[in-house]
């Protein structure tokens, strides 16, 4: 029987082991017209275990953002296979990918992406509204998520009534509210001052200690060192993959 519109063959496909993320020979090319193609990723293979904390780094145009979009099911590969939490997601259609994103992935972006006229509580509720969670449960889980990131007294404040660090905490609470398998953070300190950035990275440390799998994209070496493993991307390929100084 198919689950949520996903066929049995795809549901039952399993990666070679129980890693959270398994990427095999992943390619992404973009057609630019006039028979021209841009190769953003060329044959990347990568494994990320449950409860790993991994930073992905690379200069502009290296392919790190493309890899993040593929891991986040925001895009599909041109070639290769990708398993997330035991599900082969590289062959799913747009509707199926949307369900995977809502269930399995919590996103934290540089620009917060909060609704300006909505309270912190309503912003955090949104993913639960999209998946049809009943109102009472939705409210309770959103309150719990905000409390977990230290905003229990700021639930009814709107984004313009919060500091940059508080807005990012709301975004993190929203990423956590669906209890996802993985948190993807794209330059989460990019719009914050250094002191507030350190506070947010300390929060990620707590999330990781609590069992969350975290994949962080950053251009900042000092931020990458908060992770336990740093993957460098260059010209669409993995240039290096090694433990961070912190983990050595």
C-alpha atoms as a PDB file:
ATOM      1  CA  UNK A   1       0.000   0.000   0.000  1.00  0.00           C
ATOM      2  CA  UNK A   2       1.306   3.456  -0.865  1.00  0.00           C
ATOM      3  CA  UNK A   3       1.926   5.883   1.992  1.00  0.00           C
ATOM      4  CA  UNK A   4       1.057   9.562   1.460  1.00  0.00           C
ATOM      5  CA  UNK A   5       1.136   9.054  -2.297  1.00  0.00           C
ATOM      6  CA  UNK A   6       4.630   7.549  -2.228  1.00  0.00           C
ATOM      7  CA  UNK A   7       4.886   4.161  -3.908  1.00  0.00           C
ATOM      8  CA  UNK A   8       5.879   1.003  -2.059  1.00  0.00           C
ATOM      9  CA  UNK A   9       9.009   0.633  -4.197  1.00  0.00           C
ATOM     10  CA  UNK A  10      10.266   4.057  -3.141  1.00  0.00           C
ATOM     11  CA  UNK A  11       9.126   3.670   0.484  1.00  0.00           C
ATOM     12  CA  UNK A  12      10.847   0.307   0.827  1.00  0.00           C
ATOM     13  CA  UNK A  13      14.067   1.298  -0.904  1.00  0.00           C
ATOM     14  CA  UNK A  14      16.794   1.523   1.716  1.00  0.00           C
ATOM     15  CA  UNK A  15      20.298   2.963   1.634  1.00  0.00           C
ATOM     16  CA  UNK A  16      23.258   0.663   2.254  1.00  0.00           C
ATOM     17  CA  UNK A  17      23.151   1.460   5.989  1.00  0.00           C
ATOM     18  CA  UNK A  18      21.147   3.478   8.485  1.00  0.00           C
ATOM     19  CA  UNK A  19      22.679   6.907   7.890  1.00  0.00           C
ATOM     20  CA  UNK A  20      20.376   9.926   8.028  1.00  0.00           C
ATOM     21  CA  UNK A  21      21.587  11.240   4.651  1.00  0.00           C
ATOM     22  CA  UNK A  22      23.083   9.124   1.866  1.00  0.00           C
ATOM     23  CA  UNK A  23      24.017  10.840  -1.402  1.00  0.00           C
ATOM     24  CA  UNK A  24      25.428   8.710  -4.223  1.00  0.00           C
ATOM     25  CA  UNK A  25      26.958  10.137  -7.418  1.00  0.00           C
ATOM     26  CA  UNK A  26      24.761  13.255  -7.294  1.00  0.00           C
ATOM     27  CA  UNK A  27      24.791  15.582 -10.305  1.00  0.00           C
ATOM     28  CA  UNK A  28      22.911  18.821 -10.957  1.00  0.00           C
ATOM     29  CA  UNK A  29      23.100  20.525 -14.349  1.00  0.00           C
ATOM     30  CA  UNK A  30      21.160  23.546 -15.541  1.00  0.00           C
ATOM     31  CA  UNK A  31      20.191  24.140 -19.181  1.00  0.00           C
ATOM     32  CA  UNK A  32      21.045  27.710 -20.155  1.00  0.00           C
ATOM     33  CA  UNK A  33      19.700  27.567 -23.724  1.00  0.00           C
ATOM     34  CA  UNK A  34      21.574  27.325 -27.015  1.00  0.00           C
ATOM     35  CA  UNK A  35      22.664  23.815 -26.003  1.00  0.00           C
ATOM     36  CA  UNK A  36      24.709  25.216 -23.124  1.00  0.00           C
ATOM     37  CA  UNK A  37      24.760  23.628 -19.692  1.00  0.00           C
ATOM     38  CA  UNK A  38      26.108  24.707 -16.322  1.00  0.00           C
ATOM     39  CA  UNK A  39      27.268  21.862 -14.098  1.00  0.00           C
ATOM     40  CA  UNK A  40      26.609  22.881 -10.480  1.00  0.00           C
ATOM     41  CA  UNK A  41      27.375  19.485  -8.917  1.00  0.00           C
ATOM     42  CA  UNK A  42      29.359  16.676 -10.522  1.00  0.00           C
ATOM     43  CA  UNK A  43      29.237  13.262  -8.902  1.00  0.00           C
ATOM     44  CA  UNK A  44      29.043  14.090  -5.193  1.00  0.00           C
ATOM     45  CA  UNK A  45      28.789  11.209  -2.718  1.00  0.00           C
ATOM     46  CA  UNK A  46      28.217  11.984   0.955  1.00  0.00           C
ATOM     47  CA  UNK A  47      26.968  10.280   4.113  1.00  0.00           C
ATOM     48  CA  UNK A  48      25.731  11.987   7.254  1.00  0.00           C
ATOM     49  CA  UNK A  49      24.847   9.935  10.307  1.00  0.00           C
ATOM     50  CA  UNK A  50      22.036  10.455  12.782  1.00  0.00           C
ATOM     51  CA  UNK A  51      22.906  13.222  15.276  1.00  0.00           C
ATOM     52  CA  UNK A  52      25.909  14.449  13.262  1.00  0.00           C
ATOM     53  CA  UNK A  53      26.656  18.170  13.121  1.00  0.00           C
ATOM     54  CA  UNK A  54      28.115  18.942   9.697  1.00  0.00           C
ATOM     55  CA  UNK A  55      29.168  22.246   8.146  1.00  0.00           C
ATOM     56  CA  UNK A  56      29.286  22.660   4.355  1.00  0.00           C
ATOM     57  CA  UNK A  57      31.622  25.365   3.061  1.00  0.00           C
ATOM     58  CA  UNK A  58      32.599  26.677  -0.329  1.00  0.00           C
ATOM     59  CA  UNK A  59      33.123  29.939  -2.209  1.00  0.00           C
ATOM     60  CA  UNK A  60      30.336  31.495  -4.276  1.00  0.00           C
ATOM     61  CA  UNK A  61      29.531  29.291  -7.257  1.00  0.00           C
ATOM     62  CA  UNK A  62      31.126  26.208  -5.729  1.00  0.00           C
ATOM     63  CA  UNK A  63      27.854  24.265  -5.517  1.00  0.00           C
ATOM     64  CA  UNK A  64      27.288  24.337  -1.753  1.00  0.00           C
ATOM     65  CA  UNK A  65      23.916  26.105  -2.086  1.00  0.00           C
ATOM     66  CA  UNK A  66      22.866  23.644  -4.797  1.00  0.00           C
ATOM     67  CA  UNK A  67      23.793  20.746  -2.511  1.00  0.00           C
ATOM     68  CA  UNK A  68      21.787  22.319   0.311  1.00  0.00           C
ATOM     69  CA  UNK A  69      18.754  22.682  -1.968  1.00  0.00           C
ATOM     70  CA  UNK A  70      18.985  19.028  -2.970  1.00  0.00           C
ATOM     71  CA  UNK A  71      19.401  17.825   0.614  1.00  0.00           C
ATOM     72  CA  UNK A  72      16.447  20.025   1.581  1.00  0.00           C
ATOM     73  CA  UNK A  73      14.263  18.578  -1.207  1.00  0.00           C
ATOM     74  CA  UNK A  74      13.886  22.054  -2.701  1.00  0.00           C
ATOM     75  CA  UNK A  75      15.350  20.765  -5.976  1.00  0.00           C
ATOM     76  CA  UNK A  76      15.847  17.414  -7.676  1.00  0.00           C
ATOM     77  CA  UNK A  77      19.123  15.970  -8.993  1.00  0.00           C
ATOM     78  CA  UNK A  78      19.828  15.530 -12.683  1.00  0.00           C
ATOM     79  CA  UNK A  79      21.466  12.195 -11.889  1.00  0.00           C
ATOM     80  CA  UNK A  80      22.265  10.114  -8.837  1.00  0.00           C
ATOM     81  CA  UNK A  81      20.389   8.957  -5.763  1.00  0.00           C
ATOM     82  CA  UNK A  82      19.577  10.549  -2.422  1.00  0.00           C
ATOM     83  CA  UNK A  83      18.122   8.879   0.659  1.00  0.00           C
ATOM     84  CA  UNK A  84      16.810  10.881   3.603  1.00  0.00           C
ATOM     85  CA  UNK A  85      16.072   8.973   6.791  1.00  0.00           C
ATOM     86  CA  UNK A  86      15.766   5.719   4.847  1.00  0.00           C
ATOM     87  CA  UNK A  87      13.546   7.073   2.050  1.00  0.00           C
ATOM     88  CA  UNK A  88      14.740   7.342  -1.544  1.00  0.00           C
ATOM     89  CA  UNK A  89      13.670  10.921  -2.249  1.00  0.00           C
ATOM     90  CA  UNK A  90      15.661  11.637  -5.412  1.00  0.00           C
ATOM     91  CA  UNK A  91      12.901  10.172  -7.602  1.00  0.00           C
ATOM     92  CA  UNK A  92       9.853  11.789  -5.973  1.00  0.00           C
ATOM     93  CA  UNK A  93       7.566  14.312  -7.665  1.00  0.00           C
ATOM     94  CA  UNK A  94       6.953  17.858  -6.409  1.00  0.00           C
ATOM     95  CA  UNK A  95       3.958  16.984  -4.215  1.00  0.00           C
ATOM     96  CA  UNK A  96       5.803  14.101  -2.589  1.00  0.00           C
ATOM     97  CA  UNK A  97       8.861  16.280  -2.004  1.00  0.00           C
ATOM     98  CA  UNK A  98       6.654  18.908  -0.337  1.00  0.00           C
ATOM     99  CA  UNK A  99       5.384  16.261   2.089  1.00  0.00           C
ATOM    100  CA  UNK A 100       8.936  15.144   2.854  1.00  0.00           C
ATOM    101  CA  UNK A 101      10.026  18.751   3.456  1.00  0.00           C
ATOM    102  CA  UNK A 102       7.164  19.359   5.861  1.00  0.00           C
ATOM    103  CA  UNK A 103       7.668  16.119   7.782  1.00  0.00           C
ATOM    104  CA  UNK A 104      11.413  15.532   7.801  1.00  0.00           C
ATOM    105  CA  UNK A 105      13.216  18.876   7.426  1.00  0.00           C
ATOM    106  CA  UNK A 106      13.407  22.023   9.526  1.00  0.00           C
ATOM    107  CA  UNK A 107      14.818  25.043   7.678  1.00  0.00           C
ATOM    108  CA  UNK A 108      16.639  28.006   9.223  1.00  0.00           C
ATOM    109  CA  UNK A 109      17.492  30.818   6.798  1.00  0.00           C
ATOM    110  CA  UNK A 110      19.716  33.871   6.977  1.00  0.00           C
ATOM    111  CA  UNK A 111      16.766  36.197   6.340  1.00  0.00           C
ATOM    112  CA  UNK A 112      14.445  34.648   8.999  1.00  0.00           C
ATOM    113  CA  UNK A 113      11.461  34.533   6.562  1.00  0.00           C
ATOM    114  CA  UNK A 114       8.887  35.463   9.210  1.00  0.00           C
ATOM    115  CA  UNK A 115       5.431  36.909   8.533  1.00  0.00           C
ATOM    116  CA  UNK A 116       5.718  40.522   9.664  1.00  0.00           C
ATOM    117  CA  UNK A 117       2.094  40.907  10.780  1.00  0.00           C
ATOM    118  CA  UNK A 118       1.935  37.610  12.654  1.00  0.00           C
ATOM    119  CA  UNK A 119       3.001  36.965  16.223  1.00  0.00           C
ATOM    120  CA  UNK A 120       5.948  34.726  17.044  1.00  0.00           C
ATOM    121  CA  UNK A 121       3.441  32.068  18.101  1.00  0.00           C
ATOM    122  CA  UNK A 122       1.559  32.166  14.803  1.00  0.00           C
ATOM    123  CA  UNK A 123       4.802  32.109  12.804  1.00  0.00           C
ATOM    124  CA  UNK A 124       5.835  28.938  14.610  1.00  0.00           C
ATOM    125  CA  UNK A 125       2.390  27.381  14.133  1.00  0.00           C
ATOM    126  CA  UNK A 126       2.501  27.706  10.344  1.00  0.00           C
ATOM    127  CA  UNK A 127       4.133  24.343   9.471  1.00  0.00           C
ATOM    128  CA  UNK A 128       1.554  22.618  11.666  1.00  0.00           C
ATOM    129  CA  UNK A 129      -1.277  24.445   9.923  1.00  0.00           C
ATOM    130  CA  UNK A 130       0.031  23.234   6.568  1.00  0.00           C
ATOM    131  CA  UNK A 131       0.041  19.591   7.664  1.00  0.00           C
ATOM    132  CA  UNK A 132      -3.387  19.711   9.279  1.00  0.00           C
ATOM    133  CA  UNK A 133      -2.426  19.395  12.945  1.00  0.00           C
ATOM    134  CA  UNK A 134      -5.487  20.037  15.150  1.00  0.00           C
ATOM    135  CA  UNK A 135      -5.688  23.510  16.682  1.00  0.00           C
ATOM    136  CA  UNK A 136      -5.170  22.591  20.342  1.00  0.00           C
ATOM    137  CA  UNK A 137      -2.166  20.373  19.619  1.00  0.00           C
ATOM    138  CA  UNK A 138      -0.767  22.985  17.242  1.00  0.00           C
ATOM    139  CA  UNK A 139      -0.906  25.700  19.893  1.00  0.00           C
ATOM    140  CA  UNK A 140       0.680  23.516  22.546  1.00  0.00           C
ATOM    141  CA  UNK A 141       3.547  22.417  20.320  1.00  0.00           C
ATOM    142  CA  UNK A 142       4.243  25.968  19.111  1.00  0.00           C
ATOM    143  CA  UNK A 143       4.383  27.229  22.711  1.00  0.00           C
ATOM    144  CA  UNK A 144       6.696  24.373  23.669  1.00  0.00           C
ATOM    145  CA  UNK A 145       8.997  25.073  20.725  1.00  0.00           C
ATOM    146  CA  UNK A 146       9.252  28.789  21.571  1.00  0.00           C
ATOM    147  CA  UNK A 147       9.936  27.988  25.206  1.00  0.00           C
ATOM    148  CA  UNK A 148      12.706  25.592  24.154  1.00  0.00           C
ATOM    149  CA  UNK A 149      14.541  28.428  22.367  1.00  0.00           C
ATOM    150  CA  UNK A 150      14.138  30.851  25.279  1.00  0.00           C
ATOM    151  CA  UNK A 151      11.194  32.902  23.981  1.00  0.00           C
ATOM    152  CA  UNK A 152       8.487  31.784  26.378  1.00  0.00           C
ATOM    153  CA  UNK A 153       7.769  35.410  27.313  1.00  0.00           C
ATOM    154  CA  UNK A 154       7.821  36.751  23.750  1.00  0.00           C
ATOM    155  CA  UNK A 155       5.197  34.557  22.083  1.00  0.00           C
ATOM    156  CA  UNK A 156       2.739  37.333  21.317  1.00  0.00           C
ATOM    157  CA  UNK A 157       5.334  39.757  19.954  1.00  0.00           C
ATOM    158  CA  UNK A 158       5.548  40.451  16.232  1.00  0.00           C
ATOM    159  CA  UNK A 159       8.905  40.339  14.404  1.00  0.00           C
ATOM    160  CA  UNK A 160       9.342  44.141  14.444  1.00  0.00           C
ATOM    161  CA  UNK A 161       9.078  43.987  18.235  1.00  0.00           C
ATOM    162  CA  UNK A 162      11.946  41.504  18.496  1.00  0.00           C
ATOM    163  CA  UNK A 163      15.706  41.813  18.132  1.00  0.00           C
ATOM    164  CA  UNK A 164      17.550  40.101  15.290  1.00  0.00           C
ATOM    165  CA  UNK A 165      18.633  37.288  17.577  1.00  0.00           C
ATOM    166  CA  UNK A 166      15.094  36.819  18.865  1.00  0.00           C
ATOM    167  CA  UNK A 167      13.751  36.694  15.309  1.00  0.00           C
ATOM    168  CA  UNK A 168      16.262  33.987  14.458  1.00  0.00           C
ATOM    169  CA  UNK A 169      15.165  32.080  17.571  1.00  0.00           C
ATOM    170  CA  UNK A 170      11.575  32.255  16.295  1.00  0.00           C
ATOM    171  CA  UNK A 171      12.794  30.857  12.972  1.00  0.00           C
ATOM    172  CA  UNK A 172      14.590  28.029  14.808  1.00  0.00           C
ATOM    173  CA  UNK A 173      11.472  27.297  16.874  1.00  0.00           C
ATOM    174  CA  UNK A 174       9.487  27.098  13.622  1.00  0.00           C
ATOM    175  CA  UNK A 175      12.082  24.671  12.214  1.00  0.00           C
ATOM    176  CA  UNK A 176      11.754  22.466  15.302  1.00  0.00           C
ATOM    177  CA  UNK A 177       7.980  22.448  15.730  1.00  0.00           C
ATOM    178  CA  UNK A 178       7.398  19.525  13.351  1.00  0.00           C
ATOM    179  CA  UNK A 179      10.053  17.479  15.174  1.00  0.00           C
ATOM    180  CA  UNK A 180      12.033  16.989  11.950  1.00  0.00           C
ATOM    181  CA  UNK A 181      14.690  14.399  11.240  1.00  0.00           C
ATOM    182  CA  UNK A 182      17.203  17.066  10.226  1.00  0.00           C
ATOM    183  CA  UNK A 183      17.765  20.804  10.642  1.00  0.00           C
ATOM    184  CA  UNK A 184      19.209  22.633   7.616  1.00  0.00           C
ATOM    185  CA  UNK A 185      20.669  26.027   8.445  1.00  0.00           C
ATOM    186  CA  UNK A 186      21.737  28.342   5.605  1.00  0.00           C
ATOM    187  CA  UNK A 187      24.033  31.127   6.894  1.00  0.00           C
ATOM    188  CA  UNK A 188      22.010  31.376  10.138  1.00  0.00           C
ATOM    189  CA  UNK A 189      24.248  34.119  11.593  1.00  0.00           C
ATOM    190  CA  UNK A 190      24.664  36.096   8.362  1.00  0.00           C
ATOM    191  CA  UNK A 191      22.332  38.962   9.424  1.00  0.00           C
ATOM    192  CA  UNK A 192      23.395  39.064  13.062  1.00  0.00           C
ATOM    193  CA  UNK A 193      26.110  40.916  14.944  1.00  0.00           C
ATOM    194  CA  UNK A 194      28.937  38.791  16.287  1.00  0.00           C
ATOM    195  CA  UNK A 195      27.657  38.624  19.886  1.00  0.00           C
ATOM    196  CA  UNK A 196      24.170  37.571  18.809  1.00  0.00           C
ATOM    197  CA  UNK A 197      25.665  35.130  16.310  1.00  0.00           C
ATOM    198  CA  UNK A 198      27.536  33.404  19.131  1.00  0.00           C
ATOM    199  CA  UNK A 199      24.276  33.104  21.093  1.00  0.00           C
ATOM    200  CA  UNK A 200      22.557  31.460  18.121  1.00  0.00           C
ATOM    201  CA  UNK A 201      25.459  29.045  17.619  1.00  0.00           C
ATOM    202  CA  UNK A 202      25.284  28.154  21.320  1.00  0.00           C
ATOM    203  CA  UNK A 203      21.617  27.324  20.742  1.00  0.00           C
ATOM    204  CA  UNK A 204      22.581  25.025  17.855  1.00  0.00           C
ATOM    205  CA  UNK A 205      25.026  23.317  20.237  1.00  0.00           C
ATOM    206  CA  UNK A 206      22.119  22.655  22.596  1.00  0.00           C
ATOM    207  CA  UNK A 207      19.943  21.318  19.767  1.00  0.00           C
ATOM    208  CA  UNK A 208      22.726  18.977  18.699  1.00  0.00           C
ATOM    209  CA  UNK A 209      23.261  17.802  22.290  1.00  0.00           C
ATOM    210  CA  UNK A 210      19.531  17.039  22.426  1.00  0.00           C
ATOM    211  CA  UNK A 211      19.865  14.634  19.489  1.00  0.00           C
ATOM    212  CA  UNK A 212      19.160  16.764  16.421  1.00  0.00           C
ATOM    213  CA  UNK A 213      21.023  16.171  13.149  1.00  0.00           C
ATOM    214  CA  UNK A 214      22.278  19.535  11.862  1.00  0.00           C
ATOM    215  CA  UNK A 215      23.646  20.505   8.449  1.00  0.00           C
ATOM    216  CA  UNK A 216      24.982  24.058   8.337  1.00  0.00           C
ATOM    217  CA  UNK A 217      25.982  26.021   5.228  1.00  0.00           C
ATOM    218  CA  UNK A 218      28.327  28.923   5.944  1.00  0.00           C
ATOM    219  CA  UNK A 219      31.107  30.972   4.400  1.00  0.00           C
ATOM    220  CA  UNK A 220      32.592  31.751   7.819  1.00  0.00           C
ATOM    221  CA  UNK A 221      35.344  29.393   9.035  1.00  0.00           C
ATOM    222  CA  UNK A 222      34.777  30.287  12.698  1.00  0.00           C
ATOM    223  CA  UNK A 223      31.084  29.381  12.398  1.00  0.00           C
ATOM    224  CA  UNK A 224      31.920  26.121  10.602  1.00  0.00           C
ATOM    225  CA  UNK A 225      34.127  25.130  13.535  1.00  0.00           C
ATOM    226  CA  UNK A 226      31.040  24.797  15.731  1.00  0.00           C
ATOM    227  CA  UNK A 227      30.243  21.644  13.755  1.00  0.00           C
ATOM    228  CA  UNK A 228      32.010  18.353  14.348  1.00  0.00           C
ATOM    229  CA  UNK A 229      32.753  17.808  10.660  1.00  0.00           C
ATOM    230  CA  UNK A 230      33.502  20.250   7.830  1.00  0.00           C
ATOM    231  CA  UNK A 231      32.860  19.422   4.155  1.00  0.00           C
ATOM    232  CA  UNK A 232      34.489  21.764   1.641  1.00  0.00           C
ATOM    233  CA  UNK A 233      32.904  22.023  -1.825  1.00  0.00           C
ATOM    234  CA  UNK A 234      34.832  23.353  -4.817  1.00  0.00           C
ATOM    235  CA  UNK A 235      33.783  23.367  -8.485  1.00  0.00           C
ATOM    236  CA  UNK A 236      30.821  21.113  -7.792  1.00  0.00           C
ATOM    237  CA  UNK A 237      32.844  18.409  -6.041  1.00  0.00           C
ATOM    238  CA  UNK A 238      33.861  17.575  -2.497  1.00  0.00           C
ATOM    239  CA  UNK A 239      37.364  18.985  -2.021  1.00  0.00           C
ATOM    240  CA  UNK A 240      37.819  17.842   1.578  1.00  0.00           C
ATOM    241  CA  UNK A 241      35.793  16.155   4.309  1.00  0.00           C
ATOM    242  CA  UNK A 242      37.362  16.071   7.752  1.00  0.00           C
ATOM    243  CA  UNK A 243      36.666  16.517  11.459  1.00  0.00           C
ATOM    244  CA  UNK A 244      36.573  20.105  12.655  1.00  0.00           C
ATOM    245  CA  UNK A 245      39.246  21.373  15.021  1.00  0.00           C
ATOM    246  CA  UNK A 246      36.651  21.197  17.745  1.00  0.00           C
ATOM    247  CA  UNK A 247      36.156  17.454  17.184  1.00  0.00           C
ATOM    248  CA  UNK A 248      39.821  16.526  16.964  1.00  0.00           C
END
